[in-house]
Protein backbone atom coordinates (compact mmCIF):
# COMPACT_ATOMS: atom_id res chain seq x y z
CA MET A 1 19.58 45.00 29.60
CA ARG A 2 22.50 43.00 28.33
CA VAL A 3 22.73 41.48 24.97
CA HIS A 4 26.18 39.93 23.67
CA VAL A 5 26.57 40.21 20.02
CA VAL A 6 28.66 37.80 18.02
CA SER A 7 29.54 37.27 14.27
CA ASP A 8 32.13 35.11 11.92
CA VAL A 9 31.99 32.48 14.35
CA HIS A 10 33.11 29.97 11.97
CA GLY A 11 33.32 26.92 14.29
CA ARG A 12 34.32 28.16 17.74
CA ALA A 13 31.48 26.09 19.02
CA ASP A 14 33.60 25.87 22.71
CA ALA A 15 33.26 29.54 23.04
CA LEU A 16 29.87 29.86 21.52
CA ALA A 17 28.72 28.22 24.19
CA ARG A 18 29.37 30.80 26.87
CA ALA A 19 28.88 34.11 24.39
CA GLY A 20 25.34 34.19 26.30
CA ASP A 21 27.12 33.87 30.21
CA GLY A 22 25.78 37.07 31.94
CA ALA A 23 23.70 38.42 29.25
CA ASP A 24 19.81 38.64 28.79
CA ALA A 25 20.33 37.77 25.53
CA LEU A 26 22.35 36.70 22.34
CA VAL A 27 22.91 38.01 18.49
CA CYS A 28 24.16 36.28 16.14
CA LEU A 29 25.14 38.16 12.99
CA GLY A 30 26.22 34.55 10.86
CA ASP A 31 28.75 32.72 9.46
CA LEU A 32 28.94 29.48 11.67
CA ILE A 33 30.29 27.08 9.32
CA LEU A 34 34.42 27.08 8.95
CA PHE A 35 34.92 25.87 5.16
CA VAL A 36 38.61 27.21 5.29
CA ASP A 37 40.55 28.79 7.35
CA TYR A 38 42.66 31.85 6.23
CA ASP A 39 45.04 31.31 9.57
CA ASP A 40 44.91 28.13 10.41
CA HIS A 41 45.06 25.89 6.62
CA ALA A 42 44.23 22.33 8.87
CA GLN A 43 41.01 23.42 10.14
CA GLY A 44 37.61 23.62 7.94
CA ILE A 45 36.06 20.94 5.63
CA PHE A 46 38.58 21.81 2.90
CA ALA A 47 41.58 20.61 4.69
CA ASP A 48 39.40 17.65 6.53
CA LEU A 49 38.38 16.17 2.99
CA PHE A 50 41.84 17.45 1.00
CA GLY A 51 44.51 17.97 3.94
CA PRO A 52 46.31 20.96 4.95
CA GLU A 53 48.28 21.90 2.12
CA ARG A 54 45.92 21.20 -0.92
CA ALA A 55 43.95 24.03 1.47
CA ALA A 56 46.86 26.30 1.89
CA GLU A 57 47.21 26.22 -2.51
CA PHE A 58 43.62 26.80 -2.69
CA ILE A 59 43.48 30.23 -0.20
CA GLY A 60 46.79 31.04 -1.85
CA LEU A 61 45.16 31.58 -5.44
CA ARG A 62 42.12 33.10 -3.82
CA THR A 63 44.28 35.43 -1.76
CA ALA A 64 45.87 36.67 -5.08
CA LYS A 65 42.36 36.42 -7.06
CA ARG A 66 43.17 34.19 -9.03
CA PHE A 67 39.74 32.87 -9.11
CA ASP A 68 39.69 30.74 -12.21
CA GLU A 69 42.55 28.92 -10.98
CA ALA A 70 41.61 28.20 -7.57
CA ARG A 71 37.94 27.02 -8.93
CA ALA A 72 39.48 24.88 -11.40
CA MET A 73 41.73 23.10 -8.63
CA SER A 74 39.19 22.22 -6.55
CA ALA A 75 36.87 20.72 -9.29
CA ARG A 76 39.88 18.23 -9.84
CA LEU A 77 39.96 17.60 -6.01
CA TRP A 78 35.84 17.25 -5.95
CA SER A 79 36.24 14.83 -9.30
CA THR A 80 38.70 12.46 -7.00
CA LEU A 81 36.01 12.03 -4.06
CA ASP A 82 33.28 9.13 -5.03
CA GLY A 83 29.43 10.69 -5.18
CA ASP A 84 28.08 14.54 -5.81
CA PRO A 85 30.35 16.81 -4.00
CA ARG A 86 27.52 18.74 -2.82
CA GLU A 87 26.97 15.86 -0.86
CA HIS A 88 30.01 15.59 0.77
CA ILE A 89 29.83 19.64 1.14
CA GLU A 90 26.27 18.62 3.11
CA ARG A 91 27.66 16.13 5.05
CA ASN A 92 30.40 18.20 6.61
CA VAL A 93 28.25 21.52 7.23
CA ARG A 94 25.56 19.56 9.06
CA ALA A 95 28.06 17.96 11.38
CA GLN A 96 29.38 21.58 12.07
CA TYR A 97 26.04 22.97 12.55
CA GLU A 98 24.66 20.10 14.75
CA THR A 99 27.23 21.14 16.97
CA LEU A 100 27.15 24.81 16.71
CA PHE A 101 23.58 24.83 17.39
CA ALA A 102 23.61 22.48 20.38
CA ALA A 103 26.20 25.34 22.16
CA MET A 104 24.24 28.26 20.68
CA PRO A 105 23.10 29.97 24.06
CA THR A 106 19.16 30.78 24.76
CA PRO A 107 17.46 33.05 23.95
CA ALA A 108 19.39 34.21 20.63
CA TYR A 109 18.47 36.11 17.69
CA LEU A 110 20.50 34.86 14.40
CA THR A 111 20.78 35.69 10.94
CA TYR A 112 22.85 34.43 8.09
CA GLY A 113 26.24 35.21 7.10
CA ASN A 114 27.41 35.05 3.18
CA VAL A 115 29.18 31.17 4.17
CA ASP A 116 25.62 29.87 5.53
CA LEU A 117 23.70 27.49 4.17
CA PRO A 118 20.00 28.92 5.41
CA ARG A 119 18.06 25.87 4.45
CA LEU A 120 19.59 23.77 6.83
CA TRP A 121 19.40 25.93 9.91
CA ALA A 122 15.96 24.80 10.39
CA ASP A 123 17.16 21.13 11.20
CA TYR A 124 18.84 22.40 14.14
CA LEU A 125 17.10 25.35 15.32
CA ARG A 126 16.53 24.52 19.40
CA PRO A 127 13.40 26.56 21.63
CA GLY A 128 14.40 30.11 22.14
CA HIS A 129 16.68 30.21 18.83
CA ARG A 130 14.59 32.82 16.15
CA VAL A 131 15.77 33.70 13.06
CA LEU A 132 15.56 37.27 11.39
CA ASP A 133 16.49 38.35 7.84
CA GLY A 134 14.67 41.34 6.31
CA GLU A 135 12.58 41.43 9.93
CA VAL A 136 11.99 43.25 13.44
CA ALA A 137 12.47 42.05 16.70
CA GLU A 138 11.66 43.52 20.16
CA ILE A 139 14.60 43.20 22.68
CA GLY A 140 14.56 45.12 25.79
CA GLY A 141 11.99 48.02 24.32
CA LEU A 142 14.44 47.91 21.52
CA ARG A 143 13.85 47.59 17.79
CA PHE A 144 16.15 45.14 16.07
CA GLY A 145 16.32 45.12 12.50
CA PHE A 146 18.38 42.02 10.75
CA VAL A 147 19.64 41.32 7.28
CA GLY A 148 21.44 38.51 6.47
CA GLY A 149 23.69 37.28 3.87
CA GLY A 150 26.24 38.86 1.42
CA LEU A 151 26.51 40.42 -1.48
CA LYS A 152 27.44 38.47 -5.16
CA THR A 153 31.68 38.59 -4.98
CA PRO A 154 34.01 36.46 -7.39
CA TYR A 155 34.26 34.11 -4.43
CA ARG A 156 30.95 32.77 -4.70
CA THR A 157 30.09 31.86 -1.22
CA PRO A 158 26.92 30.12 -0.54
CA TYR A 159 24.70 32.94 0.59
CA GLU A 160 25.44 36.07 -1.86
CA ILE A 161 22.36 37.92 -3.61
CA GLY A 162 22.00 40.70 -5.40
CA GLU A 163 21.36 44.63 -4.26
CA GLU A 164 18.14 44.65 -5.16
CA GLU A 165 17.28 41.88 -2.94
CA TYR A 166 19.56 43.02 -0.55
CA ALA A 167 17.80 46.19 -0.92
CA ALA A 168 14.65 45.22 -0.29
CA LYS A 169 15.17 43.25 3.04
CA VAL A 170 17.04 46.79 4.21
CA GLU A 171 13.78 48.90 3.02
CA ALA A 172 11.35 46.23 4.85
CA LEU A 173 13.07 46.89 8.54
CA GLY A 174 11.87 50.58 8.71
CA GLU A 175 13.19 52.76 11.41
CA VAL A 176 15.14 50.55 13.82
CA ASP A 177 17.30 51.21 16.92
CA VAL A 178 19.29 48.78 16.44
CA LEU A 179 20.60 47.86 12.70
CA CYS A 180 22.02 44.28 12.44
CA CYS A 181 23.42 42.62 9.59
CA HIS A 182 26.24 40.66 8.61
CA ILE A 183 27.80 42.45 5.90
CA PRO A 184 29.26 46.53 6.72
CA PRO A 185 27.46 49.78 5.27
CA ALA A 186 29.59 50.86 2.07
CA VAL A 187 32.27 52.81 4.10
CA PRO A 188 36.24 52.36 2.90
CA GLU A 189 37.63 52.38 6.30
CA LEU A 190 35.06 49.94 7.87
CA LEU A 191 35.48 46.95 4.19
CA TYR A 192 39.22 47.05 3.87
CA ASP A 193 40.98 43.95 5.86
CA VAL A 194 44.53 44.81 6.39
CA VAL A 195 46.16 41.04 6.73
CA ALA A 196 44.23 40.09 3.54
CA ARG A 197 44.94 43.32 2.18
CA ARG A 198 41.76 43.83 -0.15
CA PHE A 199 38.34 45.48 0.72
CA GLU A 200 35.16 43.29 1.60
CA ARG A 201 31.85 44.30 0.08
CA GLY A 202 29.76 46.42 1.39
CA SER A 203 26.04 47.99 1.51
CA GLU A 204 25.58 51.03 -0.16
CA ALA A 205 21.60 50.51 0.73
CA THR A 206 22.86 50.00 4.67
CA LEU A 207 24.56 52.89 4.38
CA GLN A 208 21.93 54.79 2.88
CA ALA A 209 19.35 53.34 5.41
CA ILE A 210 21.67 54.63 8.45
CA MET A 211 21.75 58.30 6.93
CA ARG A 212 18.36 58.26 6.47
CA THR A 213 16.89 56.77 9.56
CA GLN A 214 20.12 57.12 12.24
CA PRO A 215 19.58 53.96 14.53
CA ARG A 216 21.45 53.92 17.72
CA TYR A 217 23.89 51.17 16.14
CA ALA A 218 24.78 49.61 12.86
CA LEU A 219 25.94 46.10 14.43
CA PHE A 220 27.99 43.82 11.32
CA GLY A 221 31.04 41.00 10.98
CA HIS A 222 31.98 39.96 8.01
CA VAL A 223 35.66 41.49 7.97
CA HIS A 224 37.83 39.61 10.20
CA ASN A 225 40.62 42.59 10.58
CA PRO A 226 39.00 45.99 9.79
CA LEU A 227 41.10 49.01 9.21
CA ARG A 228 38.19 50.55 11.86
CA GLU A 229 36.52 48.63 13.52
CA ARG A 230 33.96 51.54 14.29
CA THR A 231 32.82 54.50 12.99
CA ARG A 232 29.86 57.59 13.35
CA ILE A 233 27.64 58.02 10.76
CA GLY A 234 25.90 61.38 12.38
CA ARG A 235 24.35 59.56 15.37
CA THR A 236 24.65 56.44 14.52
CA GLU A 237 27.43 54.22 16.32
CA CYS A 238 28.75 51.51 13.62
CA VAL A 239 30.32 48.60 15.24
CA ASN A 240 32.27 45.77 13.87
CA VAL A 241 31.42 43.29 16.81
CA GLY A 242 34.50 41.13 15.52
CA HIS A 243 35.81 38.38 14.36
CA PHE A 244 34.50 35.38 16.89
CA ARG A 245 36.30 33.06 15.65
CA GLY A 246 39.37 34.62 16.55
CA ARG A 247 38.95 36.20 19.66
CA GLY A 248 36.19 33.98 21.29
CA VAL A 249 34.80 36.71 23.45
CA PRO A 250 31.20 38.74 22.23
CA PHE A 251 30.93 42.10 21.80
CA VAL A 252 28.88 43.70 24.16
CA LEU A 253 25.57 46.24 24.16
CA GLU A 254 23.76 47.53 27.63
CA TRP A 255 20.93 49.65 27.76
């Protein structure tokens, strides 16, 4: 059995269309859309609406953790557009989702990332796409458990939830062979991004579940340039499957 795993697609429809080649199934751990691109400021919804210079300024403020200034700047820019800013965002998100789900191979098992808008996914899913969040699917005789979204942060991305709600989704899985989450377990070396020079937020509930149930694998993304891509907790191999937008190739799981 061969399964390909991707995370943090962020608009890479071209590579996504090839991500299932040679695999029995694709697993996608979310973050499909691209709102801002920290590497190429000309890419993403923010740059499409306001230009790369404004995107670079916005990214700079967020990177410096000047969140109030970033929000004030963003509010000023949104006020220059006609209509409700949410309508502009949703229109652009829908355009990306239409392209991405059309490129998504089948069969595919998907969960949400922290920058995704879950309420829109049903409009673009095709036969062979299955979305799971706090749920288990059997793939090739193994139990795969899925937990989508992220925990609340100052960045206020669209699908961030509280610790109790997140922990309840982890608990609902029970024992699984492969634990699939968008964010990593709360292990410092898995959370530190060496390019952004900051710690992302990981899940203590996921870490405790790994220590308690010892799945074969814990797979995740979210941290684009991690200090460590993998570590072992007991018998569990914890693996950051990679920043798919940057790499364009999936992580391969075979058994």
